[in-house]
N, C-alpha and C. Protein backbone atom coordinates (compact mmCIF):
# COMPACT_ATOMS: atom_id res chain seq x y z
N MET A 1 6.06 14.18 45.51
CA MET A 1 7.03 14.06 44.44
C MET A 1 7.00 12.67 43.83
N ASN A 2 6.88 11.65 44.69
CA ASN A 2 6.89 10.28 44.20
C ASN A 2 5.66 9.99 43.34
N THR A 3 4.50 10.55 43.71
CA THR A 3 3.29 10.31 42.92
C THR A 3 3.38 10.99 41.56
N ALA A 4 4.05 12.15 41.50
CA ALA A 4 4.21 12.83 40.21
C ALA A 4 5.07 12.00 39.27
N ILE A 5 6.10 11.38 39.80
CA ILE A 5 6.96 10.53 38.97
C ILE A 5 6.18 9.31 38.50
N SER A 6 5.38 8.73 39.35
CA SER A 6 4.58 7.57 38.97
C SER A 6 3.57 7.93 37.89
N LYS A 7 2.92 9.08 38.03
CA LYS A 7 1.96 9.52 37.02
C LYS A 7 2.65 9.78 35.68
N MET A 8 3.81 10.41 35.73
CA MET A 8 4.56 10.69 34.52
C MET A 8 5.02 9.39 33.86
N LYS A 9 5.42 8.42 34.67
CA LYS A 9 5.86 7.13 34.16
C LYS A 9 4.73 6.45 33.39
N TYR A 10 3.53 6.44 33.96
CA TYR A 10 2.39 5.81 33.30
C TYR A 10 1.94 6.59 32.07
N ALA A 11 2.04 7.90 32.15
CA ALA A 11 1.67 8.72 30.99
C ALA A 11 2.61 8.45 29.81
N LEU A 12 3.90 8.38 30.08
CA LEU A 12 4.85 8.10 29.02
C LEU A 12 4.73 6.68 28.50
N LEU A 13 4.43 5.74 29.37
CA LEU A 13 4.20 4.37 28.94
C LEU A 13 2.97 4.27 28.04
N GLY A 14 1.92 4.99 28.41
CA GLY A 14 0.72 5.03 27.57
C GLY A 14 0.98 5.69 26.23
N LEU A 15 1.75 6.78 26.23
CA LEU A 15 2.09 7.45 24.98
C LEU A 15 2.92 6.54 24.07
N PHE A 16 3.85 5.81 24.66
CA PHE A 16 4.65 4.86 23.90
C PHE A 16 3.78 3.75 23.30
N ALA A 17 2.82 3.26 24.07
CA ALA A 17 1.93 2.20 23.58
C ALA A 17 1.07 2.71 22.42
N VAL A 18 0.55 3.91 22.53
CA VAL A 18 -0.27 4.49 21.46
C VAL A 18 0.58 4.70 20.21
N ALA A 19 1.79 5.22 20.35
CA ALA A 19 2.67 5.44 19.19
C ALA A 19 3.04 4.12 18.53
N SER A 20 3.29 3.09 19.33
CA SER A 20 3.63 1.79 18.78
C SER A 20 2.46 1.18 18.02
N LEU A 21 1.27 1.27 18.59
CA LEU A 21 0.08 0.74 17.91
C LEU A 21 -0.23 1.52 16.63
N THR A 22 0.03 2.81 16.65
CA THR A 22 -0.17 3.62 15.45
C THR A 22 0.79 3.20 14.34
N ALA A 23 2.03 2.95 14.68
CA ALA A 23 3.01 2.52 13.68
C ALA A 23 2.66 1.16 13.10
N VAL A 24 2.25 0.23 13.94
CA VAL A 24 1.87 -1.10 13.46
C VAL A 24 0.59 -1.01 12.62
N GLY A 25 -0.36 -0.18 13.03
CA GLY A 25 -1.58 0.01 12.25
C GLY A 25 -1.32 0.59 10.88
N TYR A 26 -0.41 1.56 10.80
CA TYR A 26 -0.04 2.14 9.51
C TYR A 26 0.58 1.08 8.61
N GLU A 27 1.48 0.28 9.15
CA GLU A 27 2.09 -0.80 8.36
C GLU A 27 1.03 -1.78 7.87
N TRP A 28 0.11 -2.14 8.76
CA TRP A 28 -0.91 -3.13 8.43
C TRP A 28 -1.88 -2.59 7.37
N TRP A 29 -2.22 -1.31 7.44
CA TRP A 29 -3.23 -0.75 6.55
C TRP A 29 -2.67 -0.29 5.21
N PHE A 30 -1.44 0.24 5.17
CA PHE A 30 -0.90 0.83 3.96
C PHE A 30 0.27 0.06 3.36
N VAL A 31 1.24 -0.30 4.16
CA VAL A 31 2.50 -0.82 3.62
C VAL A 31 2.41 -2.29 3.23
N TRP A 32 1.90 -3.14 4.11
CA TRP A 32 1.89 -4.58 3.83
C TRP A 32 1.03 -4.94 2.61
N PRO A 33 -0.18 -4.37 2.42
CA PRO A 33 -0.94 -4.70 1.21
C PRO A 33 -0.24 -4.22 -0.06
N ALA A 34 0.40 -3.06 0.00
CA ALA A 34 1.10 -2.55 -1.17
C ALA A 34 2.28 -3.45 -1.54
N GLU A 35 3.00 -3.95 -0.55
CA GLU A 35 4.12 -4.84 -0.83
C GLU A 35 3.64 -6.17 -1.42
N LYS A 36 2.55 -6.71 -0.89
CA LYS A 36 1.99 -7.95 -1.44
C LYS A 36 1.54 -7.76 -2.88
N CYS A 37 0.95 -6.61 -3.16
CA CYS A 37 0.48 -6.32 -4.51
C CYS A 37 1.65 -6.19 -5.48
N GLU A 38 2.72 -5.53 -5.07
CA GLU A 38 3.87 -5.36 -5.94
C GLU A 38 4.59 -6.69 -6.17
N GLU A 39 4.52 -7.61 -5.21
CA GLU A 39 5.10 -8.93 -5.42
C GLU A 39 4.38 -9.68 -6.53
N LYS A 40 3.10 -9.41 -6.71
CA LYS A 40 2.30 -10.05 -7.76
C LYS A 40 2.47 -9.36 -9.12
N GLN A 41 3.31 -8.33 -9.19
CA GLN A 41 3.51 -7.54 -10.41
C GLN A 41 2.24 -6.80 -10.81
N ALA A 42 1.49 -6.32 -9.83
CA ALA A 42 0.26 -5.58 -10.10
C ALA A 42 0.42 -4.14 -9.62
N TRP A 43 -0.63 -3.37 -9.81
CA TRP A 43 -0.61 -1.96 -9.43
C TRP A 43 -1.40 -1.76 -8.15
N TRP A 44 -0.85 -0.98 -7.22
CA TRP A 44 -1.52 -0.70 -5.96
C TRP A 44 -2.19 0.67 -6.05
N ASP A 45 -3.46 0.74 -5.76
CA ASP A 45 -4.21 1.99 -5.73
C ASP A 45 -4.35 2.43 -4.28
N PRO A 46 -3.57 3.42 -3.83
CA PRO A 46 -3.63 3.81 -2.42
C PRO A 46 -4.93 4.50 -2.03
N LYS A 47 -5.62 5.11 -3.00
CA LYS A 47 -6.86 5.81 -2.68
C LYS A 47 -7.95 4.83 -2.26
N ASP A 48 -8.11 3.76 -3.02
CA ASP A 48 -9.17 2.79 -2.76
C ASP A 48 -8.67 1.52 -2.10
N HIS A 49 -7.38 1.42 -1.84
CA HIS A 49 -6.77 0.24 -1.22
C HIS A 49 -7.09 -1.02 -2.01
N GLN A 50 -6.82 -0.96 -3.33
CA GLN A 50 -7.09 -2.09 -4.19
C GLN A 50 -5.84 -2.49 -4.94
N CYS A 51 -5.71 -3.78 -5.18
CA CYS A 51 -4.64 -4.31 -6.02
C CYS A 51 -5.22 -4.54 -7.41
N LEU A 52 -4.73 -3.82 -8.39
CA LEU A 52 -5.30 -3.85 -9.73
C LEU A 52 -4.33 -4.51 -10.71
N THR A 53 -4.89 -5.28 -11.62
CA THR A 53 -4.10 -5.96 -12.64
C THR A 53 -4.05 -5.09 -13.88
N PRO A 54 -2.84 -4.76 -14.37
CA PRO A 54 -2.75 -3.95 -15.59
C PRO A 54 -3.21 -4.76 -16.80
N LEU A 55 -3.93 -4.12 -17.70
CA LEU A 55 -4.40 -4.76 -18.92
C LEU A 55 -3.68 -4.16 -20.12
N PRO A 56 -2.91 -4.96 -20.85
CA PRO A 56 -2.22 -4.43 -22.03
C PRO A 56 -3.20 -4.13 -23.16
N ILE A 57 -2.82 -3.20 -24.00
CA ILE A 57 -3.70 -2.76 -25.09
C ILE A 57 -3.95 -3.88 -26.10
N TRP A 58 -2.99 -4.79 -26.26
CA TRP A 58 -3.17 -5.84 -27.26
C TRP A 58 -4.23 -6.86 -26.85
N ASN A 59 -4.65 -6.85 -25.63
CA ASN A 59 -5.79 -7.69 -25.24
C ASN A 59 -7.09 -7.17 -25.86
N TRP A 60 -7.18 -5.90 -26.10
CA TRP A 60 -8.39 -5.32 -26.67
C TRP A 60 -8.33 -5.29 -28.19
N THR A 61 -7.16 -4.98 -28.75
CA THR A 61 -7.05 -4.85 -30.20
C THR A 61 -6.78 -6.17 -30.89
N LYS A 62 -6.39 -7.19 -30.16
CA LYS A 62 -6.06 -8.52 -30.68
C LYS A 62 -4.89 -8.49 -31.67
N ARG A 63 -4.04 -7.48 -31.56
CA ARG A 63 -2.82 -7.41 -32.37
C ARG A 63 -1.64 -7.72 -31.48
N LYS A 64 -0.61 -8.32 -32.05
CA LYS A 64 0.59 -8.63 -31.29
C LYS A 64 1.40 -7.35 -31.07
N PRO A 65 2.15 -7.28 -29.98
CA PRO A 65 2.97 -6.09 -29.75
C PRO A 65 4.02 -5.92 -30.85
N GLY A 66 4.15 -4.71 -31.35
CA GLY A 66 5.13 -4.41 -32.38
C GLY A 66 4.60 -4.54 -33.78
N SER A 67 3.40 -5.08 -33.96
CA SER A 67 2.86 -5.22 -35.32
C SER A 67 2.26 -3.89 -35.77
N ILE A 68 2.39 -3.61 -37.05
CA ILE A 68 1.89 -2.36 -37.60
C ILE A 68 0.74 -2.73 -38.53
N PRO A 69 -0.38 -2.06 -38.41
CA PRO A 69 -1.51 -2.38 -39.32
C PRO A 69 -1.16 -2.00 -40.76
N PRO A 70 -1.70 -2.72 -41.71
CA PRO A 70 -1.39 -2.40 -43.12
C PRO A 70 -1.95 -1.03 -43.52
N ALA A 71 -1.19 -0.36 -44.38
CA ALA A 71 -1.61 0.97 -44.84
C ALA A 71 -2.71 0.81 -45.88
N LYS A 72 -3.68 1.71 -45.85
CA LYS A 72 -4.78 1.68 -46.82
C LYS A 72 -4.35 2.45 -48.09
N PRO A 73 -4.59 1.87 -49.26
CA PRO A 73 -4.19 2.58 -50.50
C PRO A 73 -5.10 3.72 -50.84
């Protein structure tokens, strides 16, 4: 009986250690990089684990936001 309790104690301790490492690994791999990326005001891509910088359209068109192009006669 005593050996069964000892085996169960170690099994549960091992299960707890694996669950704890899994939780920390999930935080390290998914949550912490996403939080750092959002602090930089960037976009987090969970598929590729990349922090991406948004590019506004006026960088390409060289027009100021809110400006309307002149109408052609």
